[in-house]
Protein backbone atom coordinates (compact mmCIF):
# COMPACT_ATOMS: atom_id res chain seq x y z
CA MET A 1 -11.05 39.01 -40.17
CA GLN A 2 -13.60 38.01 -37.58
CA GLN A 3 -14.11 34.66 -39.30
CA SER A 4 -10.36 34.07 -39.20
CA LEU A 5 -10.24 34.81 -35.47
CA ASP A 6 -13.20 32.51 -34.86
CA SER A 7 -11.48 29.78 -36.87
CA ILE A 8 -8.28 30.17 -34.83
CA SER A 9 -10.33 30.08 -31.58
CA ASP A 10 -12.16 26.91 -32.67
CA CYS A 11 -8.85 25.32 -33.63
CA GLN A 12 -7.36 26.14 -30.23
CA THR A 13 -10.46 24.76 -28.47
CA THR A 14 -10.23 21.55 -30.49
CA LYS A 15 -6.53 21.21 -29.66
CA THR A 16 -7.27 21.78 -25.97
CA GLN A 17 -9.98 19.11 -25.99
CA ASN A 18 -7.73 16.68 -27.86
CA TYR A 19 -4.93 17.35 -25.40
CA ALA A 20 -7.27 16.74 -22.47
CA HIS A 21 -8.46 13.45 -23.98
CA THR A 22 -4.87 12.40 -24.76
CA SER A 23 -3.73 13.34 -21.26
CA MET A 24 -6.55 11.33 -19.69
CA LEU A 25 -5.71 8.34 -21.88
CA LYS A 26 -2.03 8.60 -20.95
CA ASN A 27 -2.94 8.69 -17.27
CA LEU A 28 -5.18 5.68 -17.71
CA LEU A 29 -2.44 3.73 -19.50
CA SER A 30 0.36 4.94 -17.23
CA GLY A 31 1.93 3.11 -14.31
CA VAL A 32 -0.36 5.00 -11.94
CA PHE A 33 -3.20 2.77 -13.10
CA PHE A 34 -1.46 -0.44 -14.14
CA GLU A 35 1.28 -0.79 -11.50
CA PRO A 36 -1.24 -1.67 -8.75
CA LEU A 37 -2.85 -4.22 -11.08
CA LEU A 38 0.52 -5.87 -11.72
CA SER A 39 1.15 -5.97 -7.97
CA ASP A 40 -2.29 -7.52 -7.43
CA PHE A 41 -1.45 -10.13 -10.07
CA ARG A 42 2.01 -11.00 -8.68
CA ILE A 43 0.93 -11.25 -5.05
CA ILE A 44 -1.49 -14.07 -5.90
CA PHE A 45 1.42 -16.34 -6.86
CA GLU A 46 3.18 -15.45 -3.60
CA ARG A 47 0.22 -16.08 -1.32
CA ASP A 48 -1.92 -18.74 -2.95
CA PRO A 49 -0.35 -22.20 -3.35
CA ALA A 50 -3.25 -23.12 -5.65
CA ALA A 51 -2.14 -20.55 -8.26
CA ARG A 52 -0.30 -22.70 -10.82
CA ASN A 53 -0.22 -20.58 -13.97
CA TRP A 54 -1.15 -17.12 -15.18
CA LEU A 55 -4.17 -18.32 -17.17
CA GLU A 56 -5.85 -19.59 -14.00
CA VAL A 57 -5.11 -16.35 -12.21
CA VAL A 58 -6.36 -14.12 -15.02
CA PHE A 59 -9.57 -16.01 -15.71
CA CYS A 60 -10.46 -17.84 -12.47
CA TYR A 61 -9.71 -15.44 -9.58
CA PRO A 62 -12.73 -13.27 -8.72
CA GLY A 63 -10.68 -11.24 -6.25
CA LEU A 64 -8.42 -10.06 -9.06
CA HIS A 65 -11.42 -9.34 -11.30
CA ALA A 66 -13.08 -7.29 -8.56
CA LEU A 67 -9.92 -5.26 -7.97
CA CYS A 68 -9.48 -4.59 -11.70
CA LEU A 69 -13.02 -3.29 -11.99
CA HIS A 70 -12.67 -1.30 -8.78
CA ARG A 71 -9.48 0.43 -9.89
CA LEU A 72 -11.23 1.60 -13.05
CA ALA A 73 -14.30 2.71 -11.09
CA HIS A 74 -12.13 4.47 -8.48
CA TRP A 75 -10.15 6.24 -11.21
CA LEU A 76 -13.36 7.59 -12.71
CA HIS A 77 -14.82 8.39 -9.28
CA CYS A 78 -11.79 10.52 -8.36
CA ARG A 79 -12.31 12.52 -11.56
CA GLY A 80 -15.89 13.39 -10.72
CA VAL A 81 -17.59 11.02 -13.14
CA SER A 82 -21.10 10.21 -11.93
CA PHE A 83 -23.16 7.02 -12.25
CA ILE A 84 -20.64 5.03 -14.33
CA PRO A 85 -18.34 4.17 -11.36
CA ARG A 86 -21.31 2.87 -9.36
CA LEU A 87 -22.49 0.90 -12.38
CA ILE A 88 -19.03 -0.69 -12.70
CA SER A 89 -19.09 -1.47 -8.97
CA HIS A 90 -22.51 -3.08 -9.30
CA LEU A 91 -21.33 -5.10 -12.29
CA GLY A 92 -18.33 -6.28 -10.29
CA ARG A 93 -20.62 -7.32 -7.43
CA PHE A 94 -22.82 -9.27 -9.84
CA LEU A 95 -19.87 -11.06 -11.46
CA THR A 96 -17.68 -11.74 -8.42
CA GLY A 97 -19.83 -11.50 -5.28
CA ILE A 98 -17.46 -8.79 -4.01
CA GLU A 99 -18.85 -5.31 -3.39
CA ILE A 100 -16.35 -2.45 -3.34
CA HIS A 101 -17.60 1.12 -3.38
CA PRO A 102 -15.82 3.24 -6.02
CA GLY A 103 -14.78 5.70 -3.31
CA ALA A 104 -12.77 3.10 -1.36
CA ASP A 105 -9.00 3.60 -1.54
CA ILE A 106 -7.21 0.27 -1.99
CA GLY A 107 -3.42 -0.01 -2.04
CA GLN A 108 -1.31 -2.16 -4.31
CA GLY A 109 -0.65 -5.85 -3.82
CA VAL A 110 -3.98 -6.46 -2.07
CA PHE A 111 -5.19 -10.07 -2.31
CA ILE A 112 -8.87 -10.94 -1.85
CA ASP A 113 -8.85 -14.72 -1.49
CA HIS A 114 -12.06 -16.37 -2.76
CA GLY A 115 -13.85 -13.16 -1.83
CA MET A 116 -17.53 -14.10 -1.90
CA GLY A 117 -19.45 -11.78 0.38
CA VAL A 118 -16.68 -9.20 0.87
CA VAL A 119 -18.04 -5.66 1.36
CA ILE A 120 -15.78 -2.60 1.41
CA GLY A 121 -17.43 0.75 2.14
CA GLU A 122 -17.07 4.13 0.49
CA THR A 123 -14.54 5.76 2.81
CA ALA A 124 -12.56 2.62 3.65
CA ILE A 125 -8.79 2.64 3.11
CA VAL A 126 -6.92 -0.65 2.63
CA GLY A 127 -3.13 -0.61 2.91
CA ASP A 128 -0.64 -2.27 0.59
CA TYR A 129 -0.28 -6.06 0.60
CA THR A 130 -3.31 -6.66 2.80
CA LEU A 131 -4.83 -10.15 2.68
CA ILE A 132 -8.64 -10.34 2.85
CA TYR A 133 -10.62 -13.58 3.07
CA GLN A 134 -14.23 -14.26 2.13
CA GLY A 135 -17.13 -12.72 4.04
CA VAL A 136 -15.14 -9.74 5.36
CA THR A 137 -16.97 -6.46 5.93
CA LEU A 138 -15.23 -3.10 6.20
CA GLY A 139 -18.36 -1.18 7.06
CA GLY A 140 -19.73 1.88 8.78
CA THR A 141 -22.03 2.36 11.73
CA GLY A 142 -25.11 4.57 11.85
CA LYS A 143 -25.84 7.28 9.31
CA GLU A 144 -22.94 9.64 10.00
CA THR A 145 -21.29 11.44 7.09
CA GLY A 146 -17.62 11.91 6.27
CA LYS A 147 -15.02 9.28 7.12
CA ARG A 148 -17.12 6.43 8.50
CA HIS A 149 -15.30 3.27 7.40
CA PRO A 150 -12.08 1.73 8.73
CA THR A 151 -8.51 2.40 7.67
CA ILE A 152 -6.47 -0.79 7.38
CA GLY A 153 -2.67 -0.62 7.59
CA LYS A 154 -0.13 -2.41 5.42
CA ASN A 155 0.42 -6.19 5.44
CA ALA A 156 -2.71 -6.82 7.50
CA VAL A 157 -4.59 -10.13 7.47
CA ILE A 158 -8.38 -10.13 7.88
CA GLY A 159 -9.79 -13.61 8.46
CA ALA A 160 -12.93 -15.10 6.94
CA GLY A 161 -16.16 -13.54 8.14
CA ALA A 162 -14.47 -10.79 10.15
CA LYS A 163 -16.24 -7.44 10.53
CA VAL A 164 -14.43 -4.13 11.06
CA LEU A 165 -17.03 -1.47 11.73
CA GLY A 166 -16.73 2.29 11.99
CA ASN A 167 -14.00 4.87 11.45
CA LEU A 168 -11.28 2.75 13.04
CA GLN A 169 -7.51 2.81 12.67
CA ILE A 170 -6.10 -0.69 12.18
CA GLY A 171 -2.30 -0.70 12.31
CA ASP A 172 0.28 -2.40 10.11
CA ARG A 173 0.73 -6.17 10.26
CA VAL A 174 -2.45 -6.65 12.30
CA ARG A 175 -4.14 -10.08 12.21
CA ILE A 176 -7.89 -10.23 12.66
CA GLY A 177 -9.17 -13.71 13.43
CA ALA A 178 -11.99 -15.36 11.50
CA GLY A 179 -15.43 -14.31 12.69
CA SER A 180 -14.12 -11.47 14.85
CA VAL A 181 -15.99 -8.18 15.19
CA VAL A 182 -13.64 -5.23 15.61
CA LEU A 183 -15.13 -2.10 17.17
CA ARG A 184 -12.00 -0.34 18.49
CA ASN A 185 -8.70 0.90 17.12
CA VAL A 186 -5.92 -1.68 16.90
CA PRO A 187 -2.20 -0.77 17.16
CA SER A 188 0.35 -2.30 14.81
CA ASP A 189 1.63 -5.86 15.35
CA ARG A 190 -1.39 -7.12 17.25
CA THR A 191 -3.88 -9.93 16.88
CA VAL A 192 -7.61 -9.42 17.37
CA VAL A 193 -9.95 -12.29 18.16
CA GLY A 194 -13.49 -12.72 19.48
CA VAL A 195 -16.80 -10.86 19.57
CA PRO A 196 -16.29 -8.07 20.33
CA GLY A 197 -12.66 -8.23 19.23
CA ARG A 198 -10.01 -8.39 21.96
CA ILE A 199 -6.51 -7.13 21.28
CA ILE A 200 -3.67 -9.52 22.04
CA SER A 201 0.03 -8.78 21.71
CA ARG A 202 1.75 -11.08 19.24
CA ASN A 203 5.38 -9.90 19.42
CA GLU A 204 6.51 -13.49 19.74
CA SER A 205 4.90 -14.39 16.39
CA ALA A 206 5.89 -11.29 14.42
CA SER A 207 7.77 -13.45 11.92
CA LEU A 208 4.73 -15.53 10.96
CA SER A 209 3.80 -15.73 7.29
CA PRO A 210 0.57 -13.89 6.38
CA LEU A 211 -0.92 -17.23 5.32
CA GLU A 212 -0.48 -18.68 8.82
CA HIS A 213 -3.65 -17.01 10.00
CA GLY A 214 -4.68 -20.21 11.77
CA LYS A 215 -2.00 -19.69 14.42
CA LEU A 216 -4.10 -17.43 16.61
CA PRO A 217 -4.24 -17.60 20.39
CA ASP A 218 -7.27 -19.31 21.92
CA VAL A 219 -8.20 -16.80 24.61
CA GLU A 220 -11.15 -18.75 25.98
CA ALA A 221 -9.10 -21.94 26.26
CA THR A 222 -6.34 -20.05 28.10
CA VAL A 223 -8.82 -18.61 30.58
CA ILE A 224 -10.46 -22.00 31.13
CA ARG A 225 -7.10 -23.68 31.73
CA SER A 226 -6.20 -20.94 34.21
CA LEU A 227 -9.50 -21.41 36.07
CA LEU A 228 -9.11 -25.20 36.17
CA SER A 229 -5.57 -24.83 37.52
CA ARG A 230 -6.80 -22.45 40.20
CA ILE A 231 -9.64 -24.80 41.17
CA GLU A 232 -7.16 -27.68 41.53
CA GLN A 233 -4.98 -25.54 43.79
CA LEU A 234 -7.95 -24.55 45.94
CA GLU A 235 -9.11 -28.18 46.20
CA LYS A 236 -5.64 -29.25 47.37
CA GLN A 237 -5.58 -26.46 49.93
CA LEU A 238 -9.05 -27.44 51.16
CA GLN A 239 -8.03 -31.09 51.42
CA THR A 240 -4.91 -30.11 53.39
CA LEU A 241 -6.97 -27.99 55.80
CA ARG A 242 -9.43 -30.85 56.33
CA GLN A 243 -6.58 -33.23 57.10
CA GLU A 244 -5.07 -30.78 59.58
CA LEU A 245 -8.43 -30.22 61.28
CA GLY A 246 -9.00 -33.99 61.45
CA VAL A 247 -5.64 -34.56 63.11
CA ARG A 248 -6.27 -31.81 65.66
CA SER A 249 -9.70 -33.13 66.54
């Protein structure tokens, strides 16, 4: 009798383990895992004019490879698996030059163009359909714990070499110019340029395509033109005063 009960218990345990393995496999093969990958694949054709066929995209786009590896590593990381997610991340860094911590939360339709030198930290959050160019860093500051990396909104564009540092909130449709260093929160529909980054309203260019990241305001040039115009006005006023004084004398 006892042997029969033990046999039934072992059978139930085996069924439970098989169910858990089957459930995990179903989750891995479900849309939860593959839908973001399909979005990452489709967005390349929308945003890269050099993408001519699916073979090139599948085999020759390191940004897509890095995201594929990251989504697997992130899936394992969220389920408490140790070591393997970091190993996958390290392998992705070696193969693509893009370093994404397994803990980073990346939305669907994200496009990492070229991607060499991109670093995305552990607690970073990247919104859907964000465009990231090479050399971008979404990093932390200091040795604080908890949420220490930026949160990027949807449809953002982060130019080549830009750095977004700290637990910052970057709004939707924000454009960060190439080489900028962002150290403060940025509301939605703004452009950030310079070191440190300066926020500029871009309501007049809200309809720009994400690829038109070259159409950024030149703040320094605007200031210089304003100063030159002011100097010309002051020189004219000074010349007028001299003429008036000369007439009076």
